[in-house]
């Protein structure tokens, strides 16, 4: 994960892609404020045409209305107003161009977001003055095979989860790491996650939190009926595989980031490996990930004394 400072656009025009959860009134208010402020500072704001209707924006000077295809091409960054779901949608649109994503959170935990809506003025100022960096986040590539035939290729920033399709039936799977069988589970599913996704579905399934600076892949069984059914952290170049046993009744389903699905008939094989293309997330400040955990989960830290000199420096007293 190598932070890099963004450079000016080659043609001298600074374009910002804006994406918003237009089903929320608070997102619309913040988005309109961002558009007005960026245009007022001479930046060009690019907005999806269907979202522009919801935002009541006209195709005017300093505004570009576009379709989803190549929406992020030529943009300095993408500003996303909403929660993690909206940011994951933005990741789909920006991954091909490498455009970094700046998430503005609207009140939920929002681990993918870098800024809070109440700090939007400072966020706009940081964008205008280019006071931000971008860091690459590991993704996963996901392949689905039926026999020897590749039937689906997908990817995820947070996780790929193999789950049972019917509540009343258990999923029977064999899991594999680096080409060797590890165990067979009767379970509700299996989560294969990235460090970025360790605070998402992986966390809910009982998996470990992994700092974003760690290169690793995670595999976590969901409600597995087995003696050995523990969360695992493996090397970033490992290949994880989940095979749906042929004797399994009914189908399973593959979810990628909770957004894209593939049906899994009995006998399907799912392979997960490090993604060839990362997603870039914007950082406005270099607060340690520990502080982010404490803030997002409201963790109790009263009574901590720590190293007094280091603590003074971290709190800005020196």
C-alpha atoms as a PDB file:
ATOM      1  CA  UNK A   1       0.000   0.000   0.000  1.00  0.00           C
ATOM      2  CA  UNK A   2       1.969   2.971  -1.309  1.00  0.00           C
ATOM      3  CA  UNK A   3       0.457   6.441  -0.802  1.00  0.00           C
ATOM      4  CA  UNK A   4       1.055   8.783  -3.745  1.00  0.00           C
ATOM      5  CA  UNK A   5       0.302  12.468  -4.217  1.00  0.00           C
ATOM      6  CA  UNK A   6      -2.001  13.271  -7.108  1.00  0.00           C
ATOM      7  CA  UNK A   7      -0.606  15.306  -9.998  1.00  0.00           C
ATOM      8  CA  UNK A   8      -2.378  17.963 -12.103  1.00  0.00           C
ATOM      9  CA  UNK A   9      -4.273  16.813 -15.182  1.00  0.00           C
ATOM     10  CA  UNK A  10      -2.207  16.929 -18.404  1.00  0.00           C
ATOM     11  CA  UNK A  11      -4.640  19.343 -20.123  1.00  0.00           C
ATOM     12  CA  UNK A  12      -4.714  21.651 -17.111  1.00  0.00           C
ATOM     13  CA  UNK A  13      -8.414  21.019 -16.446  1.00  0.00           C
ATOM     14  CA  UNK A  14      -9.237  19.568 -13.062  1.00  0.00           C
ATOM     15  CA  UNK A  15     -12.222  17.229 -13.270  1.00  0.00           C
ATOM     16  CA  UNK A  16     -13.924  15.712 -10.252  1.00  0.00           C
ATOM     17  CA  UNK A  17     -16.455  12.902 -10.594  1.00  0.00           C
ATOM     18  CA  UNK A  18     -19.264  13.219  -8.058  1.00  0.00           C
ATOM     19  CA  UNK A  19     -21.432  10.245  -7.072  1.00  0.00           C
ATOM     20  CA  UNK A  20     -24.201  10.393  -4.483  1.00  0.00           C
ATOM     21  CA  UNK A  21     -26.781   8.194  -2.799  1.00  0.00           C
ATOM     22  CA  UNK A  22     -29.618  10.115  -4.398  1.00  0.00           C
ATOM     23  CA  UNK A  23     -32.245   8.253  -2.394  1.00  0.00           C
ATOM     24  CA  UNK A  24     -31.220  10.164   0.723  1.00  0.00           C
ATOM     25  CA  UNK A  25     -32.118  13.809   1.255  1.00  0.00           C
ATOM     26  CA  UNK A  26     -29.001  14.463   3.337  1.00  0.00           C
ATOM     27  CA  UNK A  27     -26.821  13.094   0.515  1.00  0.00           C
ATOM     28  CA  UNK A  28     -28.526  15.401  -1.988  1.00  0.00           C
ATOM     29  CA  UNK A  29     -27.922  18.449   0.220  1.00  0.00           C
ATOM     30  CA  UNK A  30     -24.233  17.642   0.708  1.00  0.00           C
ATOM     31  CA  UNK A  31     -23.768  16.785  -2.986  1.00  0.00           C
ATOM     32  CA  UNK A  32     -25.259  20.110  -4.124  1.00  0.00           C
ATOM     33  CA  UNK A  33     -22.947  21.949  -1.745  1.00  0.00           C
ATOM     34  CA  UNK A  34     -19.906  20.085  -3.069  1.00  0.00           C
ATOM     35  CA  UNK A  35     -20.847  20.767  -6.697  1.00  0.00           C
ATOM     36  CA  UNK A  36     -21.356  24.481  -6.073  1.00  0.00           C
ATOM     37  CA  UNK A  37     -18.111  24.857  -4.098  1.00  0.00           C
ATOM     38  CA  UNK A  38     -15.930  22.958  -6.569  1.00  0.00           C
ATOM     39  CA  UNK A  39     -17.354  24.830  -9.569  1.00  0.00           C
ATOM     40  CA  UNK A  40     -16.891  28.078  -7.687  1.00  0.00           C
ATOM     41  CA  UNK A  41     -13.198  27.256  -7.351  1.00  0.00           C
ATOM     42  CA  UNK A  42     -12.764  26.616 -11.063  1.00  0.00           C
ATOM     43  CA  UNK A  43     -12.981  22.824 -11.066  1.00  0.00           C
ATOM     44  CA  UNK A  44     -15.126  20.901 -13.526  1.00  0.00           C
ATOM     45  CA  UNK A  45     -17.602  18.539 -11.867  1.00  0.00           C
ATOM     46  CA  UNK A  46     -18.671  15.416 -13.712  1.00  0.00           C
ATOM     47  CA  UNK A  47     -22.022  13.880 -12.698  1.00  0.00           C
ATOM     48  CA  UNK A  48     -23.932  10.860 -13.974  1.00  0.00           C
ATOM     49  CA  UNK A  49     -26.837  12.119 -16.070  1.00  0.00           C
ATOM     50  CA  UNK A  50     -29.487  10.237 -14.076  1.00  0.00           C
ATOM     51  CA  UNK A  51     -28.099  11.559 -10.790  1.00  0.00           C
ATOM     52  CA  UNK A  52     -28.054  15.114 -12.168  1.00  0.00           C
ATOM     53  CA  UNK A  53     -31.844  14.920 -12.507  1.00  0.00           C
ATOM     54  CA  UNK A  54     -32.179  14.010  -8.829  1.00  0.00           C
ATOM     55  CA  UNK A  55     -29.735  16.765  -7.883  1.00  0.00           C
ATOM     56  CA  UNK A  56     -31.609  19.282 -10.089  1.00  0.00           C
ATOM     57  CA  UNK A  57     -28.413  20.208 -11.918  1.00  0.00           C
ATOM     58  CA  UNK A  58     -28.299  21.614 -15.445  1.00  0.00           C
ATOM     59  CA  UNK A  59     -25.640  20.992 -18.077  1.00  0.00           C
ATOM     60  CA  UNK A  60     -23.940  24.337 -17.546  1.00  0.00           C
ATOM     61  CA  UNK A  61     -20.419  25.746 -17.404  1.00  0.00           C
ATOM     62  CA  UNK A  62     -18.229  23.735 -15.085  1.00  0.00           C
ATOM     63  CA  UNK A  63     -20.540  20.723 -15.203  1.00  0.00           C
ATOM     64  CA  UNK A  64     -20.298  17.580 -17.351  1.00  0.00           C
ATOM     65  CA  UNK A  65     -23.166  15.096 -17.535  1.00  0.00           C
ATOM     66  CA  UNK A  66     -21.999  11.593 -18.463  1.00  0.00           C
ATOM     67  CA  UNK A  67     -23.103   7.961 -18.572  1.00  0.00           C
ATOM     68  CA  UNK A  68     -21.527   5.275 -16.393  1.00  0.00           C
ATOM     69  CA  UNK A  69     -19.311   4.051 -19.227  1.00  0.00           C
ATOM     70  CA  UNK A  70     -15.857   5.620 -18.754  1.00  0.00           C
ATOM     71  CA  UNK A  71     -17.363   8.131 -16.287  1.00  0.00           C
ATOM     72  CA  UNK A  72     -14.115   8.373 -14.320  1.00  0.00           C
ATOM     73  CA  UNK A  73     -11.723   8.702 -17.273  1.00  0.00           C
ATOM     74  CA  UNK A  74      -9.701  11.897 -16.995  1.00  0.00           C
ATOM     75  CA  UNK A  75     -10.957  12.683 -13.498  1.00  0.00           C
ATOM     76  CA  UNK A  76      -8.578  13.688 -10.729  1.00  0.00           C
ATOM     77  CA  UNK A  77     -10.673  11.855  -8.163  1.00  0.00           C
ATOM     78  CA  UNK A  78     -14.205  10.679  -7.427  1.00  0.00           C
ATOM     79  CA  UNK A  79     -16.063  12.234  -4.497  1.00  0.00           C
ATOM     80  CA  UNK A  80     -18.708   9.873  -3.133  1.00  0.00           C
ATOM     81  CA  UNK A  81     -21.532  11.085  -0.886  1.00  0.00           C
ATOM     82  CA  UNK A  82     -23.130   8.184   0.974  1.00  0.00           C
ATOM     83  CA  UNK A  83     -22.240   5.007   2.818  1.00  0.00           C
ATOM     84  CA  UNK A  84     -19.997   2.057   2.062  1.00  0.00           C
ATOM     85  CA  UNK A  85     -22.481   0.693  -0.474  1.00  0.00           C
ATOM     86  CA  UNK A  86     -22.240   3.868  -2.532  1.00  0.00           C
ATOM     87  CA  UNK A  87     -18.451   3.801  -2.259  1.00  0.00           C
ATOM     88  CA  UNK A  88     -18.394   0.184  -3.485  1.00  0.00           C
ATOM     89  CA  UNK A  89     -20.469   1.315  -6.460  1.00  0.00           C
ATOM     90  CA  UNK A  90     -17.915   4.064  -7.083  1.00  0.00           C
ATOM     91  CA  UNK A  91     -15.134   1.471  -6.937  1.00  0.00           C
ATOM     92  CA  UNK A  92     -16.831  -0.355  -9.823  1.00  0.00           C
ATOM     93  CA  UNK A  93     -16.825   2.825 -11.918  1.00  0.00           C
ATOM     94  CA  UNK A  94     -13.276   3.958 -11.094  1.00  0.00           C
ATOM     95  CA  UNK A  95     -11.272   0.736 -10.893  1.00  0.00           C
ATOM     96  CA  UNK A  96     -10.534   0.592 -14.627  1.00  0.00           C
ATOM     97  CA  UNK A  97      -9.210   4.161 -14.771  1.00  0.00           C
ATOM     98  CA  UNK A  98      -7.350   4.072 -11.454  1.00  0.00           C
ATOM     99  CA  UNK A  99      -9.204   7.186 -10.304  1.00  0.00           C
ATOM    100  CA  UNK A 100      -8.931   7.488  -6.506  1.00  0.00           C
ATOM    101  CA  UNK A 101     -12.141   7.510  -4.462  1.00  0.00           C
ATOM    102  CA  UNK A 102     -12.891   9.943  -1.627  1.00  0.00           C
ATOM    103  CA  UNK A 103     -15.830   8.809   0.458  1.00  0.00           C
ATOM    104  CA  UNK A 104     -17.881  11.255   2.523  1.00  0.00           C
ATOM    105  CA  UNK A 105     -19.773   9.348   5.221  1.00  0.00           C
ATOM    106  CA  UNK A 106     -23.363  10.107   6.196  1.00  0.00           C
ATOM    107  CA  UNK A 107     -23.659   8.913   9.759  1.00  0.00           C
ATOM    108  CA  UNK A 108     -23.060   5.153   9.790  1.00  0.00           C
ATOM    109  CA  UNK A 109     -19.844   3.275  10.622  1.00  0.00           C
ATOM    110  CA  UNK A 110     -18.528   3.734   7.065  1.00  0.00           C
ATOM    111  CA  UNK A 111     -15.022   2.273   7.172  1.00  0.00           C
ATOM    112  CA  UNK A 112     -14.429   2.984   3.480  1.00  0.00           C
ATOM    113  CA  UNK A 113     -15.193   6.675   3.925  1.00  0.00           C
ATOM    114  CA  UNK A 114     -12.400   9.099   4.691  1.00  0.00           C
ATOM    115  CA  UNK A 115     -14.454  12.164   5.630  1.00  0.00           C
ATOM    116  CA  UNK A 116     -17.607  12.893   7.624  1.00  0.00           C
ATOM    117  CA  UNK A 117     -20.431  15.035   6.275  1.00  0.00           C
ATOM    118  CA  UNK A 118     -20.105  17.548   9.116  1.00  0.00           C
ATOM    119  CA  UNK A 119     -16.519  18.241   7.957  1.00  0.00           C
ATOM    120  CA  UNK A 120     -17.490  18.848   4.327  1.00  0.00           C
ATOM    121  CA  UNK A 121     -16.082  22.404   4.235  1.00  0.00           C
ATOM    122  CA  UNK A 122     -12.618  21.184   5.250  1.00  0.00           C
ATOM    123  CA  UNK A 123     -12.920  18.313   2.773  1.00  0.00           C
ATOM    124  CA  UNK A 124     -13.744  20.665  -0.099  1.00  0.00           C
ATOM    125  CA  UNK A 125     -10.812  22.873   0.867  1.00  0.00           C
ATOM    126  CA  UNK A 126      -8.459  19.863   0.863  1.00  0.00           C
ATOM    127  CA  UNK A 127      -9.640  18.894  -2.637  1.00  0.00           C
ATOM    128  CA  UNK A 128      -9.232  22.415  -4.014  1.00  0.00           C
ATOM    129  CA  UNK A 129      -5.755  22.768  -2.514  1.00  0.00           C
ATOM    130  CA  UNK A 130      -4.764  19.164  -3.396  1.00  0.00           C
ATOM    131  CA  UNK A 131      -4.009  18.330   0.222  1.00  0.00           C
ATOM    132  CA  UNK A 132      -4.632  14.608  -0.070  1.00  0.00           C
ATOM    133  CA  UNK A 133      -2.893  11.392  -0.991  1.00  0.00           C
ATOM    134  CA  UNK A 134      -4.130   8.182  -2.575  1.00  0.00           C
ATOM    135  CA  UNK A 135      -3.278   4.624  -1.575  1.00  0.00           C
ATOM    136  CA  UNK A 136      -3.774   1.334  -3.364  1.00  0.00           C
ATOM    137  CA  UNK A 137      -6.045  -1.198  -1.688  1.00  0.00           C
ATOM    138  CA  UNK A 138      -5.731  -4.887  -2.430  1.00  0.00           C
ATOM    139  CA  UNK A 139      -8.656  -6.437  -4.317  1.00  0.00           C
ATOM    140  CA  UNK A 140      -9.510 -10.047  -5.154  1.00  0.00           C
ATOM    141  CA  UNK A 141     -10.254 -11.668  -8.502  1.00  0.00           C
ATOM    142  CA  UNK A 142     -12.944 -14.346  -8.353  1.00  0.00           C
ATOM    143  CA  UNK A 143     -13.381 -17.168 -10.888  1.00  0.00           C
ATOM    144  CA  UNK A 144     -16.250 -19.657 -11.018  1.00  0.00           C
ATOM    145  CA  UNK A 145     -15.802 -23.007 -12.753  1.00  0.00           C
ATOM    146  CA  UNK A 146     -18.275 -25.719 -13.654  1.00  0.00           C
ATOM    147  CA  UNK A 147     -16.159 -28.751 -14.406  1.00  0.00           C
ATOM    148  CA  UNK A 148     -13.214 -27.361 -16.381  1.00  0.00           C
ATOM    149  CA  UNK A 149     -15.223 -24.515 -17.879  1.00  0.00           C
ATOM    150  CA  UNK A 150     -14.795 -20.969 -16.607  1.00  0.00           C
ATOM    151  CA  UNK A 151     -18.379 -19.714 -16.338  1.00  0.00           C
ATOM    152  CA  UNK A 152     -17.888 -16.394 -14.529  1.00  0.00           C
ATOM    153  CA  UNK A 153     -15.134 -13.897 -13.694  1.00  0.00           C
ATOM    154  CA  UNK A 154     -15.644 -11.229 -11.049  1.00  0.00           C
ATOM    155  CA  UNK A 155     -13.777  -9.177  -8.471  1.00  0.00           C
ATOM    156  CA  UNK A 156     -14.257  -7.554  -5.061  1.00  0.00           C
ATOM    157  CA  UNK A 157     -12.766  -4.849  -2.873  1.00  0.00           C
ATOM    158  CA  UNK A 158     -14.232  -6.140   0.400  1.00  0.00           C
ATOM    159  CA  UNK A 159     -15.117  -9.800   0.012  1.00  0.00           C
ATOM    160  CA  UNK A 160     -16.475 -12.674  -2.035  1.00  0.00           C
ATOM    161  CA  UNK A 161     -18.922 -14.822  -0.080  1.00  0.00           C
ATOM    162  CA  UNK A 162     -20.201 -18.263  -1.018  1.00  0.00           C
ATOM    163  CA  UNK A 163     -23.578 -18.753   0.658  1.00  0.00           C
ATOM    164  CA  UNK A 164     -26.476 -21.165   0.713  1.00  0.00           C
ATOM    165  CA  UNK A 165     -29.346 -20.107  -1.493  1.00  0.00           C
ATOM    166  CA  UNK A 166     -32.111 -21.555   0.687  1.00  0.00           C
ATOM    167  CA  UNK A 167     -32.436 -20.902   4.424  1.00  0.00           C
ATOM    168  CA  UNK A 168     -33.566 -24.452   5.231  1.00  0.00           C
ATOM    169  CA  UNK A 169     -30.601 -26.153   3.539  1.00  0.00           C
ATOM    170  CA  UNK A 170     -26.975 -26.303   4.604  1.00  0.00           C
ATOM    171  CA  UNK A 171     -24.184 -25.779   2.086  1.00  0.00           C
ATOM    172  CA  UNK A 172     -21.701 -28.655   1.783  1.00  0.00           C
ATOM    173  CA  UNK A 173     -18.267 -27.429   0.695  1.00  0.00           C
ATOM    174  CA  UNK A 174     -14.630 -28.462   0.582  1.00  0.00           C
ATOM    175  CA  UNK A 175     -12.141 -25.610   0.989  1.00  0.00           C
ATOM    176  CA  UNK A 176      -8.660 -25.525  -0.482  1.00  0.00           C
ATOM    177  CA  UNK A 177      -5.581 -23.359   0.012  1.00  0.00           C
ATOM    178  CA  UNK A 178      -2.731 -23.286  -2.509  1.00  0.00           C
ATOM    179  CA  UNK A 179      -3.936 -26.321  -4.391  1.00  0.00           C
ATOM    180  CA  UNK A 180      -4.318 -28.568  -1.353  1.00  0.00           C
ATOM    181  CA  UNK A 181      -7.595 -29.579   0.360  1.00  0.00           C
ATOM    182  CA  UNK A 182      -7.952 -28.182   3.863  1.00  0.00           C
ATOM    183  CA  UNK A 183     -11.325 -29.274   5.255  1.00  0.00           C
ATOM    184  CA  UNK A 184     -14.940 -30.096   4.455  1.00  0.00           C
ATOM    185  CA  UNK A 185     -17.679 -28.019   6.043  1.00  0.00           C
ATOM    186  CA  UNK A 186     -21.418 -28.152   6.319  1.00  0.00           C
ATOM    187  CA  UNK A 187     -22.072 -24.435   6.742  1.00  0.00           C
ATOM    188  CA  UNK A 188     -24.109 -21.376   5.907  1.00  0.00           C
ATOM    189  CA  UNK A 189     -21.259 -20.126   3.740  1.00  0.00           C
ATOM    190  CA  UNK A 190     -17.638 -19.036   3.429  1.00  0.00           C
ATOM    191  CA  UNK A 191     -16.277 -15.485   3.285  1.00  0.00           C
ATOM    192  CA  UNK A 192     -13.055 -14.727   1.396  1.00  0.00           C
ATOM    193  CA  UNK A 193     -12.016 -11.187   2.278  1.00  0.00           C
ATOM    194  CA  UNK A 194      -9.329  -8.549   1.858  1.00  0.00           C
ATOM    195  CA  UNK A 195      -7.808  -6.483   4.692  1.00  0.00           C
ATOM    196  CA  UNK A 196     -10.035  -3.592   3.565  1.00  0.00           C
ATOM    197  CA  UNK A 197     -13.045  -5.888   3.889  1.00  0.00           C
ATOM    198  CA  UNK A 198     -11.992  -7.245   7.270  1.00  0.00           C
ATOM    199  CA  UNK A 199     -14.238  -4.674   8.986  1.00  0.00           C
ATOM    200  CA  UNK A 200     -17.231  -5.568   6.784  1.00  0.00           C
ATOM    201  CA  UNK A 201     -18.897  -9.001   6.337  1.00  0.00           C
ATOM    202  CA  UNK A 202     -15.719 -10.697   7.577  1.00  0.00           C
ATOM    203  CA  UNK A 203     -16.109  -8.866  10.896  1.00  0.00           C
ATOM    204  CA  UNK A 204     -19.771  -9.882  11.225  1.00  0.00           C
ATOM    205  CA  UNK A 205     -18.832 -13.498  10.506  1.00  0.00           C
ATOM    206  CA  UNK A 206     -16.284 -13.528  13.349  1.00  0.00           C
ATOM    207  CA  UNK A 207     -13.155 -12.977  11.276  1.00  0.00           C
ATOM    208  CA  UNK A 208     -10.119 -10.971  12.405  1.00  0.00           C
ATOM    209  CA  UNK A 209      -9.612  -7.271  11.780  1.00  0.00           C
ATOM    210  CA  UNK A 210      -6.529  -6.834   9.599  1.00  0.00           C
ATOM    211  CA  UNK A 211      -4.768  -3.492   9.259  1.00  0.00           C
ATOM    212  CA  UNK A 212      -5.016  -2.136   5.674  1.00  0.00           C
ATOM    213  CA  UNK A 213      -1.219  -2.017   5.385  1.00  0.00           C
ATOM    214  CA  UNK A 214      -1.026  -5.804   5.674  1.00  0.00           C
ATOM    215  CA  UNK A 215      -1.013  -7.763   2.415  1.00  0.00           C
ATOM    216  CA  UNK A 216      -3.082 -10.890   3.086  1.00  0.00           C
ATOM    217  CA  UNK A 217      -6.210 -12.828   2.162  1.00  0.00           C
ATOM    218  CA  UNK A 218      -8.773 -14.040   4.689  1.00  0.00           C
ATOM    219  CA  UNK A 219     -11.077 -17.073   4.743  1.00  0.00           C
ATOM    220  CA  UNK A 220     -13.863 -17.289   7.320  1.00  0.00           C
ATOM    221  CA  UNK A 221     -16.501 -20.056   7.577  1.00  0.00           C
ATOM    222  CA  UNK A 222     -20.058 -19.002   8.454  1.00  0.00           C
ATOM    223  CA  UNK A 223     -21.768 -21.219  11.059  1.00  0.00           C
ATOM    224  CA  UNK A 224     -19.718 -24.269  10.058  1.00  0.00           C
ATOM    225  CA  UNK A 225     -20.483 -27.640  11.673  1.00  0.00           C
ATOM    226  CA  UNK A 226     -16.936 -28.966  11.983  1.00  0.00           C
ATOM    227  CA  UNK A 227     -14.171 -29.438  14.547  1.00  0.00           C
ATOM    228  CA  UNK A 228     -11.807 -27.249  12.540  1.00  0.00           C
ATOM    229  CA  UNK A 229     -13.689 -24.141  11.434  1.00  0.00           C
ATOM    230  CA  UNK A 230     -11.544 -21.171  12.340  1.00  0.00           C
ATOM    231  CA  UNK A 231     -10.898 -17.884  10.505  1.00  0.00           C
ATOM    232  CA  UNK A 232      -7.652 -18.036   8.547  1.00  0.00           C
ATOM    233  CA  UNK A 233      -5.220 -15.405   7.277  1.00  0.00           C
ATOM    234  CA  UNK A 234      -3.060 -16.528   4.365  1.00  0.00           C
ATOM    235  CA  UNK A 235      -0.348 -15.051   2.151  1.00  0.00           C
ATOM    236  CA  UNK A 236      -1.408 -12.466  -0.453  1.00  0.00           C
ATOM    237  CA  UNK A 237      -0.198 -14.712  -3.286  1.00  0.00           C
ATOM    238  CA  UNK A 238      -2.146 -17.744  -2.019  1.00  0.00           C
ATOM    239  CA  UNK A 239      -5.107 -19.089  -3.976  1.00  0.00           C
ATOM    240  CA  UNK A 240      -8.265 -19.895  -2.023  1.00  0.00           C
ATOM    241  CA  UNK A 241     -10.860 -22.276  -3.434  1.00  0.00           C
ATOM    242  CA  UNK A 242     -14.327 -23.341  -2.345  1.00  0.00           C
ATOM    243  CA  UNK A 243     -15.940 -26.361  -4.004  1.00  0.00           C
ATOM    244  CA  UNK A 244     -19.675 -26.928  -3.633  1.00  0.00           C
ATOM    245  CA  UNK A 245     -20.030 -30.676  -3.224  1.00  0.00           C
ATOM    246  CA  UNK A 246     -21.992 -32.411  -5.946  1.00  0.00           C
ATOM    247  CA  UNK A 247     -24.227 -34.040  -3.354  1.00  0.00           C
ATOM    248  CA  UNK A 248     -25.392 -30.646  -2.072  1.00  0.00           C
ATOM    249  CA  UNK A 249     -29.159 -30.203  -2.376  1.00  0.00           C
ATOM    250  CA  UNK A 250     -30.129 -27.027  -4.161  1.00  0.00           C
ATOM    251  CA  UNK A 251     -27.891 -24.220  -5.323  1.00  0.00           C
ATOM    252  CA  UNK A 252     -25.566 -21.812  -3.616  1.00  0.00           C
ATOM    253  CA  UNK A 253     -24.864 -18.217  -4.529  1.00  0.00           C
ATOM    254  CA  UNK A 254     -21.685 -16.148  -4.857  1.00  0.00           C
ATOM    255  CA  UNK A 255     -21.838 -12.524  -3.715  1.00  0.00           C
ATOM    256  CA  UNK A 256     -19.062 -10.080  -4.628  1.00  0.00           C
ATOM    257  CA  UNK A 257     -19.084  -7.040  -2.335  1.00  0.00           C
ATOM    258  CA  UNK A 258     -22.752  -7.760  -1.698  1.00  0.00           C
ATOM    259  CA  UNK A 259     -23.531  -6.234  -5.109  1.00  0.00           C
ATOM    260  CA  UNK A 260     -22.893  -8.806  -7.842  1.00  0.00           C
ATOM    261  CA  UNK A 261     -24.205 -12.370  -7.723  1.00  0.00           C
ATOM    262  CA  UNK A 262     -23.547 -15.656  -9.500  1.00  0.00           C
ATOM    263  CA  UNK A 263     -25.638 -18.799  -9.002  1.00  0.00           C
ATOM    264  CA  UNK A 264     -23.621 -21.830  -7.899  1.00  0.00           C
ATOM    265  CA  UNK A 265     -25.019 -25.239  -8.854  1.00  0.00           C
ATOM    266  CA  UNK A 266     -23.761 -28.391  -7.095  1.00  0.00           C
ATOM    267  CA  UNK A 267     -20.211 -29.121  -8.268  1.00  0.00           C
ATOM    268  CA  UNK A 268     -19.269 -25.454  -8.800  1.00  0.00           C
ATOM    269  CA  UNK A 269     -15.729 -24.384  -7.898  1.00  0.00           C
ATOM    270  CA  UNK A 270     -14.861 -20.825  -6.827  1.00  0.00           C
ATOM    271  CA  UNK A 271     -11.235 -19.630  -6.907  1.00  0.00           C
ATOM    272  CA  UNK A 272     -10.123 -16.434  -5.166  1.00  0.00           C
ATOM    273  CA  UNK A 273      -6.738 -14.799  -5.677  1.00  0.00           C
ATOM    274  CA  UNK A 274      -5.151 -11.386  -5.308  1.00  0.00           C
ATOM    275  CA  UNK A 275      -6.661  -8.963  -7.808  1.00  0.00           C
ATOM    276  CA  UNK A 276      -4.630  -7.802 -10.765  1.00  0.00           C
ATOM    277  CA  UNK A 277      -5.985  -4.267 -10.346  1.00  0.00           C
ATOM    278  CA  UNK A 278      -6.206  -2.447  -6.999  1.00  0.00           C
ATOM    279  CA  UNK A 279      -8.734   0.201  -5.993  1.00  0.00           C
ATOM    280  CA  UNK A 280      -7.349   3.582  -4.944  1.00  0.00           C
ATOM    281  CA  UNK A 281      -8.749   5.317  -1.863  1.00  0.00           C
ATOM    282  CA  UNK A 282      -8.074   8.923  -0.886  1.00  0.00           C
ATOM    283  CA  UNK A 283      -6.538   9.825   2.468  1.00  0.00           C
ATOM    284  CA  UNK A 284      -6.942  13.340   3.867  1.00  0.00           C
ATOM    285  CA  UNK A 285      -4.916  12.745   7.005  1.00  0.00           C
ATOM    286  CA  UNK A 286      -2.576  10.050   8.246  1.00  0.00           C
ATOM    287  CA  UNK A 287      -4.349   9.040  11.453  1.00  0.00           C
ATOM    288  CA  UNK A 288      -3.299   5.540  12.588  1.00  0.00           C
ATOM    289  CA  UNK A 289      -5.783   2.769  11.805  1.00  0.00           C
ATOM    290  CA  UNK A 290      -6.036   2.149  15.547  1.00  0.00           C
ATOM    291  CA  UNK A 291      -7.575   5.608  15.966  1.00  0.00           C
ATOM    292  CA  UNK A 292     -10.040   4.870  13.170  1.00  0.00           C
ATOM    293  CA  UNK A 293     -11.146   1.675  14.919  1.00  0.00           C
ATOM    294  CA  UNK A 294     -11.635   3.520  18.197  1.00  0.00           C
ATOM    295  CA  UNK A 295     -13.632   6.291  16.495  1.00  0.00           C
ATOM    296  CA  UNK A 296     -15.791   4.073  14.266  1.00  0.00           C
ATOM    297  CA  UNK A 297     -16.690   1.538  16.982  1.00  0.00           C
ATOM    298  CA  UNK A 298     -16.652   4.050  19.849  1.00  0.00           C
ATOM    299  CA  UNK A 299     -14.233   1.796  21.749  1.00  0.00           C
ATOM    300  CA  UNK A 300     -13.521   2.564  25.431  1.00  0.00           C
ATOM    301  CA  UNK A 301      -9.934   3.753  25.929  1.00  0.00           C
ATOM    302  CA  UNK A 302     -10.310   5.765  29.133  1.00  0.00           C
ATOM    303  CA  UNK A 303      -7.396   5.262  31.488  1.00  0.00           C
ATOM    304  CA  UNK A 304      -4.782   4.770  28.782  1.00  0.00           C
ATOM    305  CA  UNK A 305      -1.487   6.397  29.716  1.00  0.00           C
ATOM    306  CA  UNK A 306       0.865   5.124  27.025  1.00  0.00           C
ATOM    307  CA  UNK A 307       4.294   6.553  26.320  1.00  0.00           C
ATOM    308  CA  UNK A 308       3.970  10.160  27.527  1.00  0.00           C
ATOM    309  CA  UNK A 309       6.366  11.709  24.978  1.00  0.00           C
ATOM    310  CA  UNK A 310       4.876   9.801  22.040  1.00  0.00           C
ATOM    311  CA  UNK A 311       1.378  10.603  23.248  1.00  0.00           C
ATOM    312  CA  UNK A 312       2.086  14.344  23.380  1.00  0.00           C
ATOM    313  CA  UNK A 313       3.359  14.257  19.803  1.00  0.00           C
ATOM    314  CA  UNK A 314       0.346  12.292  18.570  1.00  0.00           C
ATOM    315  CA  UNK A 315      -2.039  14.689  20.243  1.00  0.00           C
ATOM    316  CA  UNK A 316      -0.274  17.661  18.700  1.00  0.00           C
ATOM    317  CA  UNK A 317       1.219  19.116  21.874  1.00  0.00           C
ATOM    318  CA  UNK A 318       4.718  19.167  20.406  1.00  0.00           C
END
